[in-house]
Amino acid sequence: MRSRRFYQMMRKGGVINFAPPKESQAEVPPAPGARGDLLKFIAETSGGKDAYLVLIFSPTQLIDGEGQRPTHLALELARRGCTVVFAYWRWHPDQWRQQDRVNDRVYQIPIDVLLQQPETLFRQSGIKNNLVLLEFPYPGFFELLAIANAAGWITAYDVVDDWEEFHRVGQAPWYER
């Protein structure tokens, strides 16, 4: 299992970089039309102003068999008629999830892509009922939350893990209590 190999590497002193790629590094461009495709997806699946749009920021990718709470929340909300944008953490800029859930009302996009221009989503969705659900306390979310709140979105932090403990063992170097 990938997570077991990851934790074994961490115990041996592996270094994890939780920050999006630095500007000085060669930036891998988004998948062709990622933001435009996202707005098109929202327009096609939202069902108008009274629809619900939920943005989930997950520390894991959407993978059915792994049993992660963000995955279950995304799929259940979509089953209930919500349009779901599943923003996932990626370890490398070339990791892109296939859009294999758009027919299920779920669009997958890397977190760092949304962090580049968060107003694209928050100010242009045209939907009245909007929710941002954060699954981990990454410092890069502060600006994003300010934009979401200013645009009238409801924001919630779902306490999933004890990030202080992850920090203590070197797995969340960005974490501050």
N, C-alpha and C. Protein backbone atom coordinates (compact mmCIF):
# COMPACT_ATOMS: atom_id res chain seq x y z
N MET A 1 0.85 -1.18 0.00
CA MET A 1 0.00 0.00 0.00
C MET A 1 0.89 1.24 0.00
N ARG A 2 0.49 2.24 -0.79
CA ARG A 2 1.30 3.45 -0.90
C ARG A 2 1.51 4.14 0.42
N SER A 3 0.48 4.23 1.23
CA SER A 3 0.61 4.95 2.50
C SER A 3 1.60 4.26 3.42
N ARG A 4 1.63 2.94 3.43
CA ARG A 4 2.59 2.22 4.27
C ARG A 4 4.02 2.52 3.82
N ARG A 5 4.27 2.49 2.51
CA ARG A 5 5.61 2.81 2.00
C ARG A 5 6.00 4.24 2.36
N PHE A 6 5.03 5.14 2.27
CA PHE A 6 5.28 6.54 2.61
C PHE A 6 5.70 6.67 4.07
N TYR A 7 4.95 6.04 4.97
CA TYR A 7 5.26 6.15 6.40
C TYR A 7 6.59 5.48 6.72
N GLN A 8 6.91 4.39 6.04
CA GLN A 8 8.22 3.75 6.24
C GLN A 8 9.34 4.69 5.82
N MET A 9 9.15 5.37 4.69
CA MET A 9 10.15 6.32 4.23
C MET A 9 10.32 7.44 5.25
N MET A 10 9.20 7.91 5.81
CA MET A 10 9.26 9.00 6.79
C MET A 10 10.01 8.57 8.04
N ARG A 11 9.79 7.35 8.50
CA ARG A 11 10.49 6.87 9.69
C ARG A 11 12.00 6.80 9.46
N LYS A 12 12.39 6.61 8.20
CA LYS A 12 13.82 6.54 7.87
C LYS A 12 14.41 7.92 7.61
N GLY A 13 13.64 8.97 7.85
CA GLY A 13 14.17 10.32 7.70
C GLY A 13 13.89 10.99 6.38
N GLY A 14 12.90 10.50 5.65
CA GLY A 14 12.54 11.12 4.38
C GLY A 14 12.04 12.54 4.60
N VAL A 15 12.20 13.38 3.59
CA VAL A 15 11.77 14.77 3.68
C VAL A 15 10.53 14.95 2.84
N ILE A 16 9.54 15.61 3.41
CA ILE A 16 8.30 15.86 2.71
C ILE A 16 8.13 17.35 2.53
N ASN A 17 7.80 17.79 1.35
CA ASN A 17 7.56 19.19 1.09
C ASN A 17 6.06 19.38 0.89
N PHE A 18 5.40 20.02 1.86
CA PHE A 18 3.96 20.22 1.78
C PHE A 18 3.60 21.51 1.06
N ALA A 19 4.56 22.27 0.62
CA ALA A 19 4.27 23.54 -0.04
C ALA A 19 4.07 23.31 -1.54
N PRO A 20 3.24 24.13 -2.17
CA PRO A 20 3.13 24.04 -3.62
C PRO A 20 4.49 24.36 -4.24
N PRO A 21 4.72 23.98 -5.47
CA PRO A 21 6.00 24.26 -6.10
C PRO A 21 6.34 25.74 -6.01
N LYS A 22 7.60 26.03 -5.70
CA LYS A 22 8.03 27.43 -5.60
C LYS A 22 8.09 28.04 -6.99
N GLU A 23 7.90 29.36 -7.02
CA GLU A 23 7.89 30.06 -8.30
C GLU A 23 9.21 29.91 -9.04
N SER A 24 10.30 29.77 -8.28
CA SER A 24 11.60 29.67 -8.92
C SER A 24 11.80 28.33 -9.61
N GLN A 25 11.02 27.31 -9.22
CA GLN A 25 11.12 26.02 -9.86
C GLN A 25 10.36 26.05 -11.18
N ALA A 26 10.75 25.17 -12.06
CA ALA A 26 10.02 25.08 -13.32
C ALA A 26 8.61 24.60 -13.01
N GLU A 27 7.64 25.38 -13.37
CA GLU A 27 6.25 25.06 -13.06
C GLU A 27 5.65 24.23 -14.17
N VAL A 28 5.00 23.15 -13.78
CA VAL A 28 4.31 22.32 -14.76
C VAL A 28 2.95 22.97 -15.00
N PRO A 29 2.62 23.29 -16.24
CA PRO A 29 1.35 23.96 -16.50
C PRO A 29 0.18 23.04 -16.16
N PRO A 30 -0.97 23.63 -15.84
CA PRO A 30 -2.15 22.82 -15.57
C PRO A 30 -2.53 21.99 -16.78
N ALA A 31 -3.31 20.95 -16.53
CA ALA A 31 -3.83 20.17 -17.64
C ALA A 31 -4.54 21.14 -18.58
N PRO A 32 -4.53 20.88 -19.85
CA PRO A 32 -5.12 21.82 -20.80
C PRO A 32 -6.52 22.27 -20.37
N GLY A 33 -6.68 23.56 -20.15
CA GLY A 33 -7.98 24.13 -19.83
C GLY A 33 -8.54 23.75 -18.48
N ALA A 34 -7.69 23.38 -17.49
CA ALA A 34 -8.17 22.89 -16.20
C ALA A 34 -9.17 23.84 -15.56
N ARG A 35 -8.86 25.13 -15.48
CA ARG A 35 -9.78 26.08 -14.84
C ARG A 35 -11.02 26.32 -15.69
N GLY A 36 -10.83 26.46 -16.99
CA GLY A 36 -11.98 26.65 -17.88
C GLY A 36 -12.88 25.43 -17.86
N ASP A 37 -12.27 24.24 -17.86
CA ASP A 37 -13.06 23.02 -17.79
C ASP A 37 -13.82 22.94 -16.48
N LEU A 38 -13.21 23.42 -15.40
CA LEU A 38 -13.86 23.42 -14.09
C LEU A 38 -15.11 24.30 -14.12
N LEU A 39 -14.98 25.52 -14.64
CA LEU A 39 -16.14 26.42 -14.71
C LEU A 39 -17.24 25.86 -15.62
N LYS A 40 -16.84 25.23 -16.70
CA LYS A 40 -17.80 24.60 -17.61
C LYS A 40 -18.53 23.45 -16.90
N PHE A 41 -17.76 22.64 -16.15
CA PHE A 41 -18.35 21.54 -15.39
C PHE A 41 -19.38 22.05 -14.40
N ILE A 42 -19.05 23.12 -13.67
CA ILE A 42 -19.96 23.69 -12.68
C ILE A 42 -21.23 24.18 -13.36
N ALA A 43 -21.08 24.89 -14.47
CA ALA A 43 -22.25 25.41 -15.19
C ALA A 43 -23.15 24.28 -15.68
N GLU A 44 -22.55 23.18 -16.13
CA GLU A 44 -23.33 22.08 -16.69
C GLU A 44 -24.00 21.21 -15.63
N THR A 45 -23.42 21.13 -14.43
CA THR A 45 -23.95 20.21 -13.42
C THR A 45 -24.70 20.89 -12.29
N SER A 46 -24.59 22.21 -12.20
CA SER A 46 -25.12 22.88 -11.01
C SER A 46 -26.64 22.99 -10.97
N GLY A 47 -27.30 23.05 -12.08
CA GLY A 47 -28.76 23.14 -12.05
C GLY A 47 -29.30 24.49 -11.65
N GLY A 48 -28.52 25.55 -11.77
CA GLY A 48 -29.01 26.89 -11.50
C GLY A 48 -28.62 27.47 -10.16
N LYS A 49 -29.18 28.64 -9.87
CA LYS A 49 -28.83 29.40 -8.68
C LYS A 49 -29.09 28.67 -7.37
N ASP A 50 -30.15 27.86 -7.29
CA ASP A 50 -30.51 27.19 -6.05
C ASP A 50 -29.75 25.88 -5.84
N ALA A 51 -28.81 25.58 -6.70
CA ALA A 51 -28.02 24.36 -6.57
C ALA A 51 -27.01 24.50 -5.43
N TYR A 52 -26.36 23.42 -5.13
CA TYR A 52 -25.33 23.40 -4.10
C TYR A 52 -23.99 23.07 -4.74
N LEU A 53 -22.99 23.89 -4.42
CA LEU A 53 -21.62 23.67 -4.89
C LEU A 53 -20.75 23.47 -3.66
N VAL A 54 -20.07 22.34 -3.59
CA VAL A 54 -19.22 22.02 -2.45
C VAL A 54 -17.80 21.83 -2.95
N LEU A 55 -16.88 22.53 -2.32
CA LEU A 55 -15.46 22.44 -2.64
C LEU A 55 -14.77 21.76 -1.47
N ILE A 56 -14.20 20.58 -1.71
CA ILE A 56 -13.53 19.82 -0.66
C ILE A 56 -12.03 19.87 -0.90
N PHE A 57 -11.29 20.33 0.10
CA PHE A 57 -9.82 20.34 0.04
C PHE A 57 -9.33 19.14 0.83
N SER A 58 -8.79 18.17 0.13
CA SER A 58 -8.42 16.89 0.73
C SER A 58 -6.91 16.66 0.71
N PRO A 59 -6.36 16.07 1.78
CA PRO A 59 -4.94 15.73 1.77
C PRO A 59 -4.66 14.47 0.94
N THR A 60 -5.71 13.82 0.45
CA THR A 60 -5.55 12.61 -0.36
C THR A 60 -6.31 12.77 -1.67
N GLN A 61 -5.96 11.93 -2.62
CA GLN A 61 -6.69 11.92 -3.88
C GLN A 61 -7.97 11.13 -3.72
N LEU A 62 -8.89 11.31 -4.64
CA LEU A 62 -10.16 10.60 -4.60
C LEU A 62 -9.96 9.20 -5.16
N ILE A 63 -9.82 8.24 -4.26
CA ILE A 63 -9.63 6.84 -4.64
C ILE A 63 -10.62 6.02 -3.83
N ASP A 64 -11.57 5.40 -4.53
CA ASP A 64 -12.66 4.67 -3.88
C ASP A 64 -12.21 3.68 -2.81
N GLY A 65 -11.27 2.83 -3.12
CA GLY A 65 -10.91 1.72 -2.25
C GLY A 65 -10.14 2.07 -0.99
N GLU A 66 -9.74 3.32 -0.82
CA GLU A 66 -8.91 3.66 0.34
C GLU A 66 -9.72 4.10 1.55
N GLY A 67 -11.01 4.32 1.42
CA GLY A 67 -11.86 4.60 2.57
C GLY A 67 -11.63 5.94 3.26
N GLN A 68 -11.10 6.93 2.56
CA GLN A 68 -10.85 8.23 3.17
C GLN A 68 -12.16 9.02 3.30
N ARG A 69 -12.32 9.72 4.41
CA ARG A 69 -13.54 10.48 4.65
C ARG A 69 -13.81 11.52 3.57
N PRO A 70 -12.82 12.29 3.09
CA PRO A 70 -13.13 13.26 2.03
C PRO A 70 -13.72 12.60 0.78
N THR A 71 -13.23 11.41 0.44
CA THR A 71 -13.77 10.68 -0.71
C THR A 71 -15.23 10.32 -0.48
N HIS A 72 -15.52 9.76 0.69
CA HIS A 72 -16.90 9.37 0.99
C HIS A 72 -17.83 10.58 1.02
N LEU A 73 -17.36 11.69 1.61
CA LEU A 73 -18.18 12.91 1.63
C LEU A 73 -18.46 13.41 0.21
N ALA A 74 -17.42 13.44 -0.62
CA ALA A 74 -17.59 13.92 -2.00
C ALA A 74 -18.60 13.08 -2.76
N LEU A 75 -18.46 11.78 -2.69
CA LEU A 75 -19.36 10.90 -3.44
C LEU A 75 -20.79 10.95 -2.90
N GLU A 76 -20.94 11.04 -1.59
CA GLU A 76 -22.29 11.10 -1.02
C GLU A 76 -22.97 12.43 -1.34
N LEU A 77 -22.24 13.53 -1.23
CA LEU A 77 -22.81 14.83 -1.58
C LEU A 77 -23.22 14.87 -3.05
N ALA A 78 -22.39 14.30 -3.91
CA ALA A 78 -22.73 14.24 -5.34
C ALA A 78 -23.97 13.39 -5.56
N ARG A 79 -24.08 12.27 -4.85
CA ARG A 79 -25.28 11.42 -4.98
C ARG A 79 -26.54 12.18 -4.56
N ARG A 80 -26.38 13.13 -3.65
CA ARG A 80 -27.52 13.91 -3.16
C ARG A 80 -27.79 15.13 -4.04
N GLY A 81 -27.08 15.24 -5.17
CA GLY A 81 -27.38 16.30 -6.12
C GLY A 81 -26.47 17.51 -6.08
N CYS A 82 -25.48 17.51 -5.19
CA CYS A 82 -24.54 18.64 -5.12
C CYS A 82 -23.52 18.52 -6.25
N THR A 83 -23.05 19.66 -6.71
CA THR A 83 -21.90 19.68 -7.59
C THR A 83 -20.68 19.74 -6.68
N VAL A 84 -19.72 18.84 -6.87
CA VAL A 84 -18.58 18.72 -5.97
C VAL A 84 -17.29 18.97 -6.75
N VAL A 85 -16.48 19.87 -6.20
CA VAL A 85 -15.12 20.07 -6.71
C VAL A 85 -14.20 19.47 -5.66
N PHE A 86 -13.47 18.45 -6.04
CA PHE A 86 -12.59 17.73 -5.13
C PHE A 86 -11.16 18.18 -5.40
N ALA A 87 -10.66 19.06 -4.54
CA ALA A 87 -9.28 19.57 -4.68
C ALA A 87 -8.38 18.68 -3.85
N TYR A 88 -7.44 18.03 -4.51
CA TYR A 88 -6.60 17.04 -3.85
C TYR A 88 -5.15 17.50 -3.77
N TRP A 89 -4.48 17.02 -2.73
CA TRP A 89 -3.06 17.28 -2.56
C TRP A 89 -2.30 16.38 -3.52
N ARG A 90 -1.26 16.91 -4.13
CA ARG A 90 -0.38 16.08 -4.96
C ARG A 90 1.05 16.32 -4.54
N TRP A 91 1.84 15.28 -4.59
CA TRP A 91 3.23 15.37 -4.14
C TRP A 91 4.14 15.93 -5.22
N HIS A 92 3.76 15.75 -6.48
CA HIS A 92 4.59 16.21 -7.59
C HIS A 92 3.69 16.93 -8.60
N PRO A 93 4.21 17.99 -9.24
CA PRO A 93 3.39 18.78 -10.17
C PRO A 93 2.88 18.00 -11.38
N ASP A 94 3.44 16.84 -11.66
CA ASP A 94 2.97 16.08 -12.82
C ASP A 94 1.89 15.06 -12.46
N GLN A 95 1.44 15.04 -11.22
CA GLN A 95 0.39 14.10 -10.81
C GLN A 95 -0.99 14.71 -11.06
N TRP A 96 -1.67 14.17 -12.05
CA TRP A 96 -3.03 14.63 -12.39
C TRP A 96 -3.97 13.44 -12.32
N ARG A 97 -5.10 13.62 -11.65
CA ARG A 97 -6.12 12.58 -11.62
C ARG A 97 -6.94 12.66 -12.90
N GLN A 98 -7.36 11.52 -13.38
CA GLN A 98 -8.26 11.49 -14.53
C GLN A 98 -9.62 12.02 -14.10
N GLN A 99 -10.32 12.65 -15.02
CA GLN A 99 -11.67 13.13 -14.73
C GLN A 99 -12.65 11.97 -14.93
N ASP A 100 -12.52 10.96 -14.08
CA ASP A 100 -13.36 9.77 -14.21
C ASP A 100 -14.63 9.84 -13.36
N ARG A 101 -14.89 11.01 -12.75
CA ARG A 101 -16.07 11.16 -11.90
C ARG A 101 -17.00 12.28 -12.34
N VAL A 102 -16.75 12.89 -13.49
CA VAL A 102 -17.59 14.01 -13.89
C VAL A 102 -19.05 13.58 -14.10
N ASN A 103 -19.28 12.37 -14.55
CA ASN A 103 -20.65 11.89 -14.69
C ASN A 103 -21.33 11.68 -13.34
N ASP A 104 -20.52 11.58 -12.29
CA ASP A 104 -21.03 11.45 -10.92
C ASP A 104 -21.11 12.82 -10.23
N ARG A 105 -20.89 13.91 -10.97
CA ARG A 105 -20.96 15.28 -10.46
C ARG A 105 -19.74 15.67 -9.61
N VAL A 106 -18.60 15.02 -9.85
CA VAL A 106 -17.38 15.33 -9.09
C VAL A 106 -16.27 15.69 -10.06
N TYR A 107 -15.69 16.88 -9.87
CA TYR A 107 -14.57 17.34 -10.68
C TYR A 107 -13.33 17.33 -9.79
N GLN A 108 -12.25 16.72 -10.25
CA GLN A 108 -11.02 16.61 -9.47
C GLN A 108 -9.96 17.57 -10.01
N ILE A 109 -9.34 18.30 -9.09
CA ILE A 109 -8.33 19.27 -9.50
C ILE A 109 -7.29 19.40 -8.38
N PRO A 110 -6.01 19.53 -8.73
CA PRO A 110 -4.99 19.68 -7.69
C PRO A 110 -5.17 20.98 -6.90
N ILE A 111 -4.89 20.91 -5.62
CA ILE A 111 -5.01 22.08 -4.76
C ILE A 111 -4.15 23.24 -5.25
N ASP A 112 -2.92 22.94 -5.64
CA ASP A 112 -2.02 24.03 -6.04
C ASP A 112 -2.52 24.76 -7.28
N VAL A 113 -3.29 24.10 -8.12
CA VAL A 113 -3.86 24.77 -9.29
C VAL A 113 -4.91 25.78 -8.85
N LEU A 114 -5.76 25.40 -7.90
CA LEU A 114 -6.76 26.34 -7.39
C LEU A 114 -6.11 27.48 -6.61
N LEU A 115 -5.02 27.19 -5.92
CA LEU A 115 -4.34 28.23 -5.15
C LEU A 115 -3.70 29.29 -6.05
N GLN A 116 -3.46 28.96 -7.31
CA GLN A 116 -2.88 29.94 -8.22
C GLN A 116 -3.86 31.06 -8.54
N GLN A 117 -5.13 30.75 -8.68
CA GLN A 117 -6.16 31.75 -8.98
C GLN A 117 -7.48 31.34 -8.33
N PRO A 118 -7.58 31.42 -7.00
CA PRO A 118 -8.79 30.95 -6.34
C PRO A 118 -10.04 31.75 -6.70
N GLU A 119 -9.86 33.00 -7.05
CA GLU A 119 -11.04 33.82 -7.39
C GLU A 119 -11.76 33.30 -8.62
N THR A 120 -11.08 32.53 -9.47
CA THR A 120 -11.71 31.94 -10.65
C THR A 120 -12.96 31.18 -10.25
N LEU A 121 -12.87 30.42 -9.20
CA LEU A 121 -14.01 29.63 -8.75
C LEU A 121 -14.94 30.43 -7.85
N PHE A 122 -14.39 31.13 -6.87
CA PHE A 122 -15.21 31.75 -5.84
C PHE A 122 -16.05 32.92 -6.34
N ARG A 123 -15.57 33.63 -7.32
CA ARG A 123 -16.30 34.81 -7.78
C ARG A 123 -17.10 34.57 -9.05
N GLN A 124 -16.94 33.40 -9.67
CA GLN A 124 -17.58 33.18 -10.95
C GLN A 124 -18.53 31.99 -10.98
N SER A 125 -18.80 31.38 -9.85
CA SER A 125 -19.62 30.17 -9.90
C SER A 125 -21.09 30.48 -10.22
N GLY A 126 -21.61 31.63 -9.78
CA GLY A 126 -23.00 31.98 -10.04
C GLY A 126 -24.01 31.16 -9.26
N ILE A 127 -23.54 30.41 -8.27
CA ILE A 127 -24.41 29.56 -7.46
C ILE A 127 -24.56 30.19 -6.09
N LYS A 128 -25.77 30.12 -5.53
CA LYS A 128 -26.07 30.76 -4.26
C LYS A 128 -25.59 29.95 -3.05
N ASN A 129 -25.70 28.64 -3.09
CA ASN A 129 -25.38 27.77 -1.95
C ASN A 129 -24.00 27.17 -2.13
N ASN A 130 -23.00 27.76 -1.47
CA ASN A 130 -21.62 27.35 -1.66
C ASN A 130 -20.98 26.99 -0.33
N LEU A 131 -20.21 25.90 -0.32
CA LEU A 131 -19.54 25.44 0.88
C LEU A 131 -18.12 25.03 0.55
N VAL A 132 -17.17 25.49 1.38
CA VAL A 132 -15.79 25.03 1.31
C VAL A 132 -15.57 24.16 2.53
N LEU A 133 -15.11 22.93 2.31
CA LEU A 133 -14.82 22.00 3.39
C LEU A 133 -13.33 21.68 3.36
N LEU A 134 -12.63 22.08 4.41
CA LEU A 134 -11.19 21.86 4.50
C LEU A 134 -10.93 20.64 5.38
N GLU A 135 -10.07 19.77 4.91
CA GLU A 135 -9.76 18.55 5.64
C GLU A 135 -8.38 18.57 6.31
N PHE A 136 -7.61 19.63 6.07
CA PHE A 136 -6.32 19.74 6.76
C PHE A 136 -5.91 21.20 6.83
N PRO A 137 -5.11 21.57 7.84
CA PRO A 137 -4.81 22.98 8.11
C PRO A 137 -3.56 23.49 7.40
N TYR A 138 -3.59 23.55 6.10
CA TYR A 138 -2.44 24.02 5.33
C TYR A 138 -2.41 25.55 5.33
N PRO A 139 -1.27 26.18 5.67
CA PRO A 139 -1.20 27.65 5.74
C PRO A 139 -1.52 28.35 4.41
N GLY A 140 -1.33 27.70 3.29
CA GLY A 140 -1.62 28.29 2.00
C GLY A 140 -3.10 28.56 1.77
N PHE A 141 -3.95 28.09 2.69
CA PHE A 141 -5.39 28.28 2.54
C PHE A 141 -5.89 29.63 3.05
N PHE A 142 -5.07 30.41 3.76
CA PHE A 142 -5.56 31.65 4.35
C PHE A 142 -6.13 32.62 3.31
N GLU A 143 -5.39 32.87 2.25
CA GLU A 143 -5.87 33.78 1.21
C GLU A 143 -7.12 33.21 0.53
N LEU A 144 -7.09 31.93 0.25
CA LEU A 144 -8.21 31.27 -0.38
C LEU A 144 -9.48 31.41 0.47
N LEU A 145 -9.36 31.21 1.79
CA LEU A 145 -10.52 31.35 2.68
C LEU A 145 -11.02 32.78 2.73
N ALA A 146 -10.11 33.74 2.71
CA ALA A 146 -10.53 35.15 2.71
C ALA A 146 -11.34 35.46 1.45
N ILE A 147 -10.90 34.97 0.31
CA ILE A 147 -11.63 35.20 -0.94
C ILE A 147 -12.98 34.49 -0.90
N ALA A 148 -13.00 33.25 -0.41
CA ALA A 148 -14.26 32.50 -0.33
C ALA A 148 -15.25 33.19 0.60
N ASN A 149 -14.80 33.61 1.77
CA ASN A 149 -15.69 34.28 2.72
C ASN A 149 -16.19 35.61 2.16
N ALA A 150 -15.31 36.35 1.50
CA ALA A 150 -15.72 37.64 0.90
C ALA A 150 -16.76 37.44 -0.20
N ALA A 151 -16.71 36.28 -0.85
CA ALA A 151 -17.67 35.99 -1.92
C ALA A 151 -18.94 35.33 -1.38
N GLY A 152 -19.06 35.20 -0.04
CA GLY A 152 -20.27 34.67 0.55
C GLY A 152 -20.32 33.16 0.73
N TRP A 153 -19.20 32.49 0.57
CA TRP A 153 -19.18 31.04 0.75
C TRP A 153 -19.16 30.72 2.23
N ILE A 154 -19.75 29.59 2.60
CA ILE A 154 -19.64 29.05 3.96
C ILE A 154 -18.36 28.22 3.98
N THR A 155 -17.55 28.39 5.02
CA THR A 155 -16.32 27.61 5.12
C THR A 155 -16.34 26.81 6.42
N ALA A 156 -15.89 25.57 6.34
CA ALA A 156 -15.86 24.70 7.51
C ALA A 156 -14.57 23.89 7.50
N TYR A 157 -14.04 23.66 8.70
CA TYR A 157 -12.87 22.82 8.84
C TYR A 157 -13.29 21.53 9.50
N ASP A 158 -13.10 20.42 8.81
CA ASP A 158 -13.45 19.10 9.32
C ASP A 158 -12.20 18.53 9.99
N VAL A 159 -12.22 18.41 11.29
CA VAL A 159 -11.06 17.92 12.04
C VAL A 159 -10.96 16.41 11.82
N VAL A 160 -10.07 16.03 10.94
CA VAL A 160 -9.92 14.63 10.57
C VAL A 160 -8.75 13.99 11.30
N ASP A 161 -7.64 14.68 11.40
CA ASP A 161 -6.42 14.12 11.96
C ASP A 161 -5.85 15.03 13.04
N ASP A 162 -4.97 14.48 13.84
CA ASP A 162 -4.25 15.24 14.84
C ASP A 162 -2.96 15.74 14.19
N TRP A 163 -3.04 16.91 13.56
CA TRP A 163 -1.91 17.41 12.79
C TRP A 163 -0.72 17.78 13.67
N GLU A 164 -0.96 18.05 14.94
CA GLU A 164 0.15 18.32 15.86
C GLU A 164 1.03 17.07 15.98
N GLU A 165 0.41 15.92 16.00
CA GLU A 165 1.18 14.67 16.06
C GLU A 165 1.91 14.41 14.74
N PHE A 166 1.26 14.69 13.62
CA PHE A 166 1.95 14.55 12.33
C PHE A 166 3.18 15.46 12.31
N HIS A 167 3.02 16.68 12.82
CA HIS A 167 4.12 17.64 12.87
C HIS A 167 5.24 17.12 13.78
N ARG A 168 4.86 16.57 14.91
CA ARG A 168 5.84 16.08 15.88
C ARG A 168 6.75 15.02 15.27
N VAL A 169 6.23 14.19 14.38
CA VAL A 169 7.04 13.14 13.77
C VAL A 169 7.58 13.55 12.40
N GLY A 170 7.45 14.86 12.05
CA GLY A 170 8.07 15.37 10.84
C GLY A 170 7.24 15.26 9.57
N GLN A 171 5.96 14.94 9.67
CA GLN A 171 5.14 14.75 8.47
C GLN A 171 4.34 15.98 8.07
N ALA A 172 4.33 16.99 8.90
CA ALA A 172 3.61 18.23 8.55
C ALA A 172 4.46 19.41 9.03
N PRO A 173 5.59 19.65 8.39
CA PRO A 173 6.51 20.70 8.86
C PRO A 173 5.89 22.10 8.82
N TRP A 174 4.85 22.31 8.05
CA TRP A 174 4.19 23.60 7.93
C TRP A 174 3.22 23.86 9.06
N TYR A 175 2.89 22.84 9.84
CA TYR A 175 1.86 22.96 10.87
C TYR A 175 2.29 23.86 12.01
N GLU A 176 1.39 24.77 12.43
CA GLU A 176 1.58 25.59 13.63
C GLU A 176 0.29 25.55 14.41
N ARG A 177 0.40 25.28 15.69
CA ARG A 177 -0.80 25.19 16.52
C ARG A 177 -1.55 26.51 16.50
